[in-house]
Amino acid sequence: MFVDDKTFSRDALKVTFLITYLMGLALEWVIPYIKKDSLLLSDYWGFLAKIKWVFGWEEDEDF
């Protein structure tokens, strides 16, 4: 996403891309946000922070 900033020029496009890779509980978790067209879907860093918080993803696990 960060290499092709023309394709992913908006946060909503980045979040949509991430959602396409979600499965299981993570996908179930995001569906209500999609159904209500949540503003979170237009905030890449907010979405990332929320999903990390919900699923307990620690920063040192990124790499």
N, C-alpha and C. Protein backbone atom coordinates (compact mmCIF):
# COMPACT_ATOMS: atom_id res chain seq x y z
N MET A 1 0.81 -1.19 0.00
CA MET A 1 0.00 0.00 0.00
C MET A 1 0.86 1.26 0.00
N PHE A 2 1.95 1.21 0.71
CA PHE A 2 2.76 2.41 0.84
C PHE A 2 3.69 2.60 -0.37
N VAL A 3 3.85 1.57 -1.16
CA VAL A 3 4.68 1.67 -2.36
C VAL A 3 3.89 2.32 -3.49
N ASP A 4 2.61 1.99 -3.58
CA ASP A 4 1.76 2.51 -4.65
C ASP A 4 0.78 3.53 -4.07
N ASP A 5 1.28 4.72 -3.76
CA ASP A 5 0.43 5.71 -3.11
C ASP A 5 -0.60 6.33 -4.04
N LYS A 6 -0.54 6.06 -5.33
CA LYS A 6 -1.59 6.53 -6.24
C LYS A 6 -2.82 5.64 -6.13
N THR A 7 -2.59 4.33 -6.08
CA THR A 7 -3.71 3.40 -5.94
C THR A 7 -4.34 3.52 -4.56
N PHE A 8 -3.52 3.71 -3.55
CA PHE A 8 -4.00 3.81 -2.18
C PHE A 8 -3.87 5.25 -1.67
N SER A 9 -4.46 6.16 -2.40
CA SER A 9 -4.31 7.58 -2.11
C SER A 9 -5.18 8.06 -0.95
N ARG A 10 -6.19 7.28 -0.60
CA ARG A 10 -7.09 7.68 0.49
C ARG A 10 -7.14 6.59 1.55
N ASP A 11 -7.40 7.00 2.78
CA ASP A 11 -7.48 6.05 3.88
C ASP A 11 -8.53 4.98 3.64
N ALA A 12 -9.67 5.36 3.07
CA ALA A 12 -10.74 4.40 2.83
C ALA A 12 -10.27 3.27 1.91
N LEU A 13 -9.44 3.58 0.95
CA LEU A 13 -8.91 2.55 0.05
C LEU A 13 -7.97 1.61 0.79
N LYS A 14 -7.18 2.16 1.70
CA LYS A 14 -6.26 1.34 2.49
C LYS A 14 -7.05 0.40 3.42
N VAL A 15 -8.07 0.94 4.07
CA VAL A 15 -8.88 0.12 4.97
C VAL A 15 -9.61 -0.97 4.18
N THR A 16 -10.16 -0.63 3.05
CA THR A 16 -10.84 -1.62 2.21
C THR A 16 -9.89 -2.73 1.82
N PHE A 17 -8.68 -2.38 1.45
CA PHE A 17 -7.67 -3.37 1.09
C PHE A 17 -7.40 -4.30 2.27
N LEU A 18 -7.23 -3.74 3.46
CA LEU A 18 -6.99 -4.56 4.65
C LEU A 18 -8.17 -5.50 4.92
N ILE A 19 -9.37 -4.99 4.78
CA ILE A 19 -10.57 -5.79 5.04
C ILE A 19 -10.63 -7.01 4.12
N THR A 20 -10.15 -6.88 2.91
CA THR A 20 -10.21 -8.02 1.98
C THR A 20 -9.36 -9.19 2.45
N TYR A 21 -8.44 -8.94 3.39
CA TYR A 21 -7.60 -10.01 3.91
C TYR A 21 -8.07 -10.55 5.26
N LEU A 22 -9.15 -10.00 5.81
CA LEU A 22 -9.65 -10.47 7.09
C LEU A 22 -10.42 -11.78 6.93
N MET A 23 -10.29 -12.64 7.94
CA MET A 23 -11.02 -13.90 7.96
C MET A 23 -11.50 -14.17 9.38
N GLY A 24 -12.39 -15.10 9.52
CA GLY A 24 -12.83 -15.56 10.83
C GLY A 24 -13.38 -14.46 11.71
N LEU A 25 -12.92 -14.44 12.96
CA LEU A 25 -13.41 -13.47 13.94
C LEU A 25 -13.16 -12.03 13.52
N ALA A 26 -12.04 -11.78 12.88
CA ALA A 26 -11.73 -10.42 12.44
C ALA A 26 -12.74 -9.95 11.39
N LEU A 27 -13.10 -10.83 10.48
CA LEU A 27 -14.10 -10.48 9.47
C LEU A 27 -15.46 -10.27 10.12
N GLU A 28 -15.83 -11.14 11.04
CA GLU A 28 -17.09 -10.97 11.76
C GLU A 28 -17.11 -9.65 12.54
N TRP A 29 -15.97 -9.28 13.09
CA TRP A 29 -15.86 -8.05 13.86
C TRP A 29 -16.11 -6.81 12.99
N VAL A 30 -15.62 -6.83 11.76
CA VAL A 30 -15.69 -5.64 10.90
C VAL A 30 -17.04 -5.49 10.20
N ILE A 31 -17.81 -6.54 10.06
CA ILE A 31 -19.07 -6.48 9.30
C ILE A 31 -20.03 -5.42 9.83
N PRO A 32 -20.24 -5.29 11.15
CA PRO A 32 -21.14 -4.22 11.61
C PRO A 32 -20.66 -2.81 11.24
N TYR A 33 -19.35 -2.61 11.20
CA TYR A 33 -18.81 -1.31 10.78
C TYR A 33 -19.14 -1.04 9.31
N ILE A 34 -19.07 -2.10 8.51
CA ILE A 34 -19.39 -1.97 7.09
C ILE A 34 -20.88 -1.67 6.92
N LYS A 35 -21.71 -2.40 7.64
CA LYS A 35 -23.17 -2.24 7.50
C LYS A 35 -23.63 -0.84 7.88
N LYS A 36 -22.99 -0.23 8.88
CA LYS A 36 -23.42 1.12 9.27
C LYS A 36 -22.56 2.20 8.63
N ASP A 37 -21.69 1.81 7.69
CA ASP A 37 -20.82 2.75 6.98
C ASP A 37 -20.09 3.66 7.96
N SER A 38 -19.45 3.03 8.92
CA SER A 38 -18.75 3.73 9.99
C SER A 38 -17.63 4.64 9.46
N LEU A 39 -17.45 5.75 10.14
CA LEU A 39 -16.35 6.65 9.80
C LEU A 39 -15.00 5.99 10.02
N LEU A 40 -14.95 4.97 10.84
CA LEU A 40 -13.71 4.24 11.08
C LEU A 40 -13.15 3.66 9.79
N LEU A 41 -14.03 3.37 8.84
CA LEU A 41 -13.60 2.79 7.56
C LEU A 41 -12.88 3.80 6.67
N SER A 42 -12.91 5.05 7.06
CA SER A 42 -12.22 6.11 6.32
C SER A 42 -11.01 6.64 7.07
N ASP A 43 -10.61 5.93 8.10
CA ASP A 43 -9.50 6.36 8.95
C ASP A 43 -8.52 5.20 9.11
N TYR A 44 -7.51 5.14 8.25
CA TYR A 44 -6.58 4.02 8.25
C TYR A 44 -5.92 3.81 9.60
N TRP A 45 -5.33 4.86 10.17
CA TRP A 45 -4.63 4.71 11.45
C TRP A 45 -5.59 4.41 12.58
N GLY A 46 -6.78 4.98 12.53
CA GLY A 46 -7.80 4.68 13.53
C GLY A 46 -8.27 3.24 13.45
N PHE A 47 -8.49 2.77 12.22
CA PHE A 47 -8.90 1.39 12.00
C PHE A 47 -7.82 0.42 12.49
N LEU A 48 -6.59 0.71 12.15
CA LEU A 48 -5.47 -0.13 12.57
C LEU A 48 -5.37 -0.18 14.10
N ALA A 49 -5.49 0.97 14.74
CA ALA A 49 -5.42 1.03 16.20
C ALA A 49 -6.57 0.24 16.83
N LYS A 50 -7.76 0.37 16.27
CA LYS A 50 -8.94 -0.31 16.82
C LYS A 50 -8.81 -1.82 16.69
N ILE A 51 -8.40 -2.30 15.54
CA ILE A 51 -8.30 -3.74 15.35
C ILE A 51 -7.17 -4.32 16.21
N LYS A 52 -6.11 -3.56 16.37
CA LYS A 52 -5.03 -4.01 17.26
C LYS A 52 -5.52 -4.09 18.69
N TRP A 53 -6.30 -3.10 19.12
CA TRP A 53 -6.80 -3.07 20.48
C TRP A 53 -7.78 -4.23 20.72
N VAL A 54 -8.70 -4.44 19.76
CA VAL A 54 -9.72 -5.48 19.91
C VAL A 54 -9.10 -6.87 19.98
N PHE A 55 -8.08 -7.10 19.16
CA PHE A 55 -7.51 -8.44 19.08
C PHE A 55 -6.19 -8.58 19.84
N GLY A 56 -5.81 -7.55 20.58
CA GLY A 56 -4.64 -7.65 21.44
C GLY A 56 -3.31 -7.77 20.71
N TRP A 57 -3.20 -7.07 19.59
CA TRP A 57 -1.98 -7.12 18.79
C TRP A 57 -0.99 -6.13 19.36
N GLU A 58 0.11 -6.62 19.87
CA GLU A 58 1.15 -5.79 20.46
C GLU A 58 2.05 -5.22 19.37
N GLU A 59 2.53 -4.01 19.55
CA GLU A 59 3.37 -3.34 18.56
C GLU A 59 4.62 -4.13 18.21
N ASP A 60 5.23 -4.80 19.17
CA ASP A 60 6.45 -5.54 18.88
C ASP A 60 6.20 -6.80 18.07
N GLU A 61 4.94 -7.12 17.81
CA GLU A 61 4.59 -8.28 16.99
C GLU A 61 4.48 -7.91 15.51
N ASP A 62 4.68 -6.64 15.18
CA ASP A 62 4.53 -6.20 13.78
C ASP A 62 5.55 -6.83 12.86
N PHE A 63 6.70 -7.20 13.38
CA PHE A 63 7.79 -7.65 12.50
C PHE A 63 8.15 -9.08 12.79
